[in-house]
């Protein structure tokens, strides 16, 4: 079972650690989100003394770094999000980012579209970029972060 391996336990012990399949999948999802948070100080995303533009740049930089370090991690996140888990379960693990993007919308920095669309742009662009590097289509340094981030910001900003 790939998910058991993903969360670092033996397949035979899966349900000793998790009460059901959704619990296991949410744990894997949470672990990947924690990896994103660990790539940068995402607590800074909640600091209102830091301009919203800089906090959104920090979020984008964090997802970029995560995607380069764990190119398959975004695949895991997207696959788990597409399963029949309640939105409440999925959204509760991502409150900091949701709040940040909602603030960006409310102050007029980001386009007034659903937050999940903003998140999809960030994840999908970096996911494709990281997989292209992993698959050898080009080297990491061929397209610097600033160029890739500009694609993302152009899609998000008003």
C-alpha atoms as a PDB file:
ATOM      1  CA  UNK A   1       0.000   0.000   0.000  1.00  0.00           C
ATOM      2  CA  UNK A   2       1.636   3.207  -1.224  1.00  0.00           C
ATOM      3  CA  UNK A   3      -0.081   5.382   1.359  1.00  0.00           C
ATOM      4  CA  UNK A   4       1.312   3.296   4.236  1.00  0.00           C
ATOM      5  CA  UNK A   5       4.790   3.769   2.818  1.00  0.00           C
ATOM      6  CA  UNK A   6       4.091   7.467   2.370  1.00  0.00           C
ATOM      7  CA  UNK A   7       3.310   7.945   6.052  1.00  0.00           C
ATOM      8  CA  UNK A   8       6.216   5.729   7.086  1.00  0.00           C
ATOM      9  CA  UNK A   9       4.507   2.674   8.574  1.00  0.00           C
ATOM     10  CA  UNK A  10       4.222  -0.991   7.657  1.00  0.00           C
ATOM     11  CA  UNK A  11       1.126  -1.901   5.664  1.00  0.00           C
ATOM     12  CA  UNK A  12       0.097  -4.417   8.334  1.00  0.00           C
ATOM     13  CA  UNK A  13       0.035  -1.637  10.950  1.00  0.00           C
ATOM     14  CA  UNK A  14      -2.036   0.874   8.998  1.00  0.00           C
ATOM     15  CA  UNK A  15      -5.199   0.588  11.050  1.00  0.00           C
ATOM     16  CA  UNK A  16      -3.322   0.425  14.351  1.00  0.00           C
ATOM     17  CA  UNK A  17      -2.382   4.037  13.687  1.00  0.00           C
ATOM     18  CA  UNK A  18      -5.459   5.257  11.815  1.00  0.00           C
ATOM     19  CA  UNK A  19      -9.133   4.646  12.532  1.00  0.00           C
ATOM     20  CA  UNK A  20     -10.094   4.518   8.842  1.00  0.00           C
ATOM     21  CA  UNK A  21      -8.957   5.266   5.302  1.00  0.00           C
ATOM     22  CA  UNK A  22      -9.928   8.948   5.476  1.00  0.00           C
ATOM     23  CA  UNK A  23      -7.909   9.376   8.669  1.00  0.00           C
ATOM     24  CA  UNK A  24      -4.892   7.821   6.946  1.00  0.00           C
ATOM     25  CA  UNK A  25      -5.269   9.991   3.847  1.00  0.00           C
ATOM     26  CA  UNK A  26      -5.742  13.154   5.892  1.00  0.00           C
ATOM     27  CA  UNK A  27      -2.592  12.280   7.819  1.00  0.00           C
ATOM     28  CA  UNK A  28      -0.640  11.951   4.558  1.00  0.00           C
ATOM     29  CA  UNK A  29      -2.148  15.216   3.321  1.00  0.00           C
ATOM     30  CA  UNK A  30      -1.280  16.975   6.577  1.00  0.00           C
ATOM     31  CA  UNK A  31       2.286  15.660   6.438  1.00  0.00           C
ATOM     32  CA  UNK A  32       2.766  17.157   2.985  1.00  0.00           C
ATOM     33  CA  UNK A  33       1.307  20.497   4.095  1.00  0.00           C
ATOM     34  CA  UNK A  34       3.647  20.422   7.101  1.00  0.00           C
ATOM     35  CA  UNK A  35       6.557  19.918   4.713  1.00  0.00           C
ATOM     36  CA  UNK A  36       5.486  23.052   2.852  1.00  0.00           C
ATOM     37  CA  UNK A  37       5.324  24.975   6.122  1.00  0.00           C
ATOM     38  CA  UNK A  38       8.760  23.657   7.109  1.00  0.00           C
ATOM     39  CA  UNK A  39      10.372  25.113   3.979  1.00  0.00           C
ATOM     40  CA  UNK A  40       9.887  28.637   5.316  1.00  0.00           C
ATOM     41  CA  UNK A  41       8.523  30.482   8.331  1.00  0.00           C
ATOM     42  CA  UNK A  42       4.894  30.390   7.294  1.00  0.00           C
ATOM     43  CA  UNK A  43       3.835  31.834  10.641  1.00  0.00           C
ATOM     44  CA  UNK A  44       5.077  35.092   9.118  1.00  0.00           C
ATOM     45  CA  UNK A  45       2.112  34.821   6.744  1.00  0.00           C
ATOM     46  CA  UNK A  46      -0.139  35.847   9.629  1.00  0.00           C
ATOM     47  CA  UNK A  47       1.989  38.841  10.678  1.00  0.00           C
ATOM     48  CA  UNK A  48      -0.053  41.935   9.766  1.00  0.00           C
ATOM     49  CA  UNK A  49       3.060  44.114  10.260  1.00  0.00           C
ATOM     50  CA  UNK A  50       4.508  42.546   7.106  1.00  0.00           C
ATOM     51  CA  UNK A  51       2.975  43.943   3.891  1.00  0.00           C
ATOM     52  CA  UNK A  52       0.531  41.580   2.179  1.00  0.00           C
ATOM     53  CA  UNK A  53       2.638  41.551  -0.991  1.00  0.00           C
ATOM     54  CA  UNK A  54       5.641  40.239   0.933  1.00  0.00           C
ATOM     55  CA  UNK A  55       3.578  37.630   2.769  1.00  0.00           C
ATOM     56  CA  UNK A  56       2.144  36.330  -0.508  1.00  0.00           C
ATOM     57  CA  UNK A  57       5.667  36.242  -1.968  1.00  0.00           C
ATOM     58  CA  UNK A  58       6.698  34.167   1.072  1.00  0.00           C
ATOM     59  CA  UNK A  59       3.852  31.722   0.460  1.00  0.00           C
ATOM     60  CA  UNK A  60       4.795  31.404  -3.217  1.00  0.00           C
ATOM     61  CA  UNK A  61       8.486  30.939  -2.367  1.00  0.00           C
ATOM     62  CA  UNK A  62       7.584  28.243   0.171  1.00  0.00           C
ATOM     63  CA  UNK A  63       5.470  26.255  -2.280  1.00  0.00           C
ATOM     64  CA  UNK A  64       8.203  26.601  -4.913  1.00  0.00           C
ATOM     65  CA  UNK A  65      10.897  25.311  -2.549  1.00  0.00           C
ATOM     66  CA  UNK A  66       8.678  22.440  -1.462  1.00  0.00           C
ATOM     67  CA  UNK A  67       7.900  21.491  -5.063  1.00  0.00           C
ATOM     68  CA  UNK A  68      11.585  21.385  -5.973  1.00  0.00           C
ATOM     69  CA  UNK A  69      12.481  19.340  -2.881  1.00  0.00           C
ATOM     70  CA  UNK A  70       9.439  17.022  -3.062  1.00  0.00           C
ATOM     71  CA  UNK A  71       8.242  16.991  -6.688  1.00  0.00           C
ATOM     72  CA  UNK A  72       5.852  14.117  -6.022  1.00  0.00           C
ATOM     73  CA  UNK A  73       4.473  15.787  -2.898  1.00  0.00           C
ATOM     74  CA  UNK A  74       2.190  18.083  -4.857  1.00  0.00           C
ATOM     75  CA  UNK A  75       0.927  15.027  -6.735  1.00  0.00           C
ATOM     76  CA  UNK A  76       0.042  13.459  -3.396  1.00  0.00           C
ATOM     77  CA  UNK A  77      -1.721  16.614  -2.221  1.00  0.00           C
ATOM     78  CA  UNK A  78      -3.733  16.940  -5.432  1.00  0.00           C
ATOM     79  CA  UNK A  79      -4.724  13.271  -5.426  1.00  0.00           C
ATOM     80  CA  UNK A  80      -5.855  13.348  -1.811  1.00  0.00           C
ATOM     81  CA  UNK A  81      -7.771  16.598  -2.353  1.00  0.00           C
ATOM     82  CA  UNK A  82      -9.633  14.976  -5.251  1.00  0.00           C
ATOM     83  CA  UNK A  83     -10.902  12.130  -3.071  1.00  0.00           C
ATOM     84  CA  UNK A  84     -14.247  12.188  -1.354  1.00  0.00           C
ATOM     85  CA  UNK A  85     -13.057  13.898   1.827  1.00  0.00           C
ATOM     86  CA  UNK A  86     -15.182  16.638   3.269  1.00  0.00           C
ATOM     87  CA  UNK A  87     -14.139  20.162   2.364  1.00  0.00           C
ATOM     88  CA  UNK A  88     -14.057  20.962   6.073  1.00  0.00           C
ATOM     89  CA  UNK A  89     -11.350  18.333   6.622  1.00  0.00           C
ATOM     90  CA  UNK A  90      -9.256  19.609   3.739  1.00  0.00           C
ATOM     91  CA  UNK A  91      -9.743  23.303   4.471  1.00  0.00           C
ATOM     92  CA  UNK A  92      -8.992  22.991   8.181  1.00  0.00           C
ATOM     93  CA  UNK A  93      -5.439  21.892   7.404  1.00  0.00           C
ATOM     94  CA  UNK A  94      -4.782  24.970   5.286  1.00  0.00           C
ATOM     95  CA  UNK A  95      -6.268  27.812   7.329  1.00  0.00           C
ATOM     96  CA  UNK A  96      -3.180  30.055   7.309  1.00  0.00           C
ATOM     97  CA  UNK A  97      -2.943  30.134   3.519  1.00  0.00           C
ATOM     98  CA  UNK A  98      -6.684  30.545   3.052  1.00  0.00           C
ATOM     99  CA  UNK A  99      -6.714  33.494   5.458  1.00  0.00           C
ATOM    100  CA  UNK A 100      -3.717  35.044   3.673  1.00  0.00           C
ATOM    101  CA  UNK A 101      -5.308  34.766   0.253  1.00  0.00           C
ATOM    102  CA  UNK A 102      -8.653  36.069   1.521  1.00  0.00           C
ATOM    103  CA  UNK A 103      -6.820  39.090   2.927  1.00  0.00           C
ATOM    104  CA  UNK A 104      -5.040  39.592  -0.395  1.00  0.00           C
ATOM    105  CA  UNK A 105      -8.419  39.609  -2.124  1.00  0.00           C
ATOM    106  CA  UNK A 106     -10.051  41.912   0.430  1.00  0.00           C
ATOM    107  CA  UNK A 107      -7.334  44.581   0.137  1.00  0.00           C
ATOM    108  CA  UNK A 108      -7.474  44.458  -3.661  1.00  0.00           C
ATOM    109  CA  UNK A 109      -4.039  42.926  -4.231  1.00  0.00           C
ATOM    110  CA  UNK A 110      -5.381  39.629  -5.593  1.00  0.00           C
ATOM    111  CA  UNK A 111      -8.171  38.994  -8.082  1.00  0.00           C
ATOM    112  CA  UNK A 112     -11.570  38.478  -6.501  1.00  0.00           C
ATOM    113  CA  UNK A 113     -12.005  34.820  -7.395  1.00  0.00           C
ATOM    114  CA  UNK A 114     -12.438  31.799  -5.111  1.00  0.00           C
ATOM    115  CA  UNK A 115      -9.392  31.078  -2.954  1.00  0.00           C
ATOM    116  CA  UNK A 116      -9.202  27.510  -4.219  1.00  0.00           C
ATOM    117  CA  UNK A 117      -8.538  28.865  -7.725  1.00  0.00           C
ATOM    118  CA  UNK A 118      -5.615  30.938  -6.444  1.00  0.00           C
ATOM    119  CA  UNK A 119      -4.243  27.893  -4.648  1.00  0.00           C
ATOM    120  CA  UNK A 120      -4.670  25.767  -7.774  1.00  0.00           C
ATOM    121  CA  UNK A 121      -2.649  28.225  -9.856  1.00  0.00           C
ATOM    122  CA  UNK A 122       0.200  28.221  -7.326  1.00  0.00           C
ATOM    123  CA  UNK A 123       0.222  24.449  -6.910  1.00  0.00           C
ATOM    124  CA  UNK A 124      -0.263  23.555 -10.567  1.00  0.00           C
ATOM    125  CA  UNK A 125       2.410  25.852 -12.003  1.00  0.00           C
ATOM    126  CA  UNK A 126       5.028  24.762  -9.462  1.00  0.00           C
ATOM    127  CA  UNK A 127       3.951  21.127  -9.693  1.00  0.00           C
ATOM    128  CA  UNK A 128       4.413  21.064 -13.462  1.00  0.00           C
ATOM    129  CA  UNK A 129       7.730  22.912 -13.192  1.00  0.00           C
ATOM    130  CA  UNK A 130       9.063  20.499 -10.549  1.00  0.00           C
ATOM    131  CA  UNK A 131       7.945  17.426 -12.489  1.00  0.00           C
ATOM    132  CA  UNK A 132       9.582  18.801 -15.646  1.00  0.00           C
ATOM    133  CA  UNK A 133      12.861  19.157 -13.742  1.00  0.00           C
ATOM    134  CA  UNK A 134      12.476  15.695 -12.206  1.00  0.00           C
ATOM    135  CA  UNK A 135      11.732  14.169 -15.623  1.00  0.00           C
ATOM    136  CA  UNK A 136      14.809  15.837 -17.123  1.00  0.00           C
ATOM    137  CA  UNK A 137      12.962  18.113 -19.527  1.00  0.00           C
ATOM    138  CA  UNK A 138      15.191  20.932 -18.308  1.00  0.00           C
ATOM    139  CA  UNK A 139      17.510  21.818 -15.425  1.00  0.00           C
ATOM    140  CA  UNK A 140      16.386  23.757 -12.354  1.00  0.00           C
ATOM    141  CA  UNK A 141      18.564  26.728 -13.295  1.00  0.00           C
ATOM    142  CA  UNK A 142      17.181  26.941 -16.846  1.00  0.00           C
ATOM    143  CA  UNK A 143      14.166  28.882 -15.577  1.00  0.00           C
ATOM    144  CA  UNK A 144      14.892  30.811 -12.360  1.00  0.00           C
ATOM    145  CA  UNK A 145      12.377  31.128  -9.547  1.00  0.00           C
ATOM    146  CA  UNK A 146      11.680  34.763 -10.445  1.00  0.00           C
ATOM    147  CA  UNK A 147      10.466  33.790 -13.925  1.00  0.00           C
ATOM    148  CA  UNK A 148       8.211  31.016 -12.639  1.00  0.00           C
ATOM    149  CA  UNK A 149       6.924  33.158  -9.753  1.00  0.00           C
ATOM    150  CA  UNK A 150       6.072  35.922 -12.222  1.00  0.00           C
ATOM    151  CA  UNK A 151       3.767  33.516 -14.078  1.00  0.00           C
ATOM    152  CA  UNK A 152       2.007  32.744 -10.799  1.00  0.00           C
ATOM    153  CA  UNK A 153       1.767  36.347  -9.618  1.00  0.00           C
ATOM    154  CA  UNK A 154       0.497  37.537 -13.000  1.00  0.00           C
ATOM    155  CA  UNK A 155      -2.346  35.035 -12.673  1.00  0.00           C
ATOM    156  CA  UNK A 156      -3.153  35.972  -9.055  1.00  0.00           C
ATOM    157  CA  UNK A 157      -2.767  39.748  -8.955  1.00  0.00           C
ATOM    158  CA  UNK A 158      -5.376  42.279 -10.004  1.00  0.00           C
END
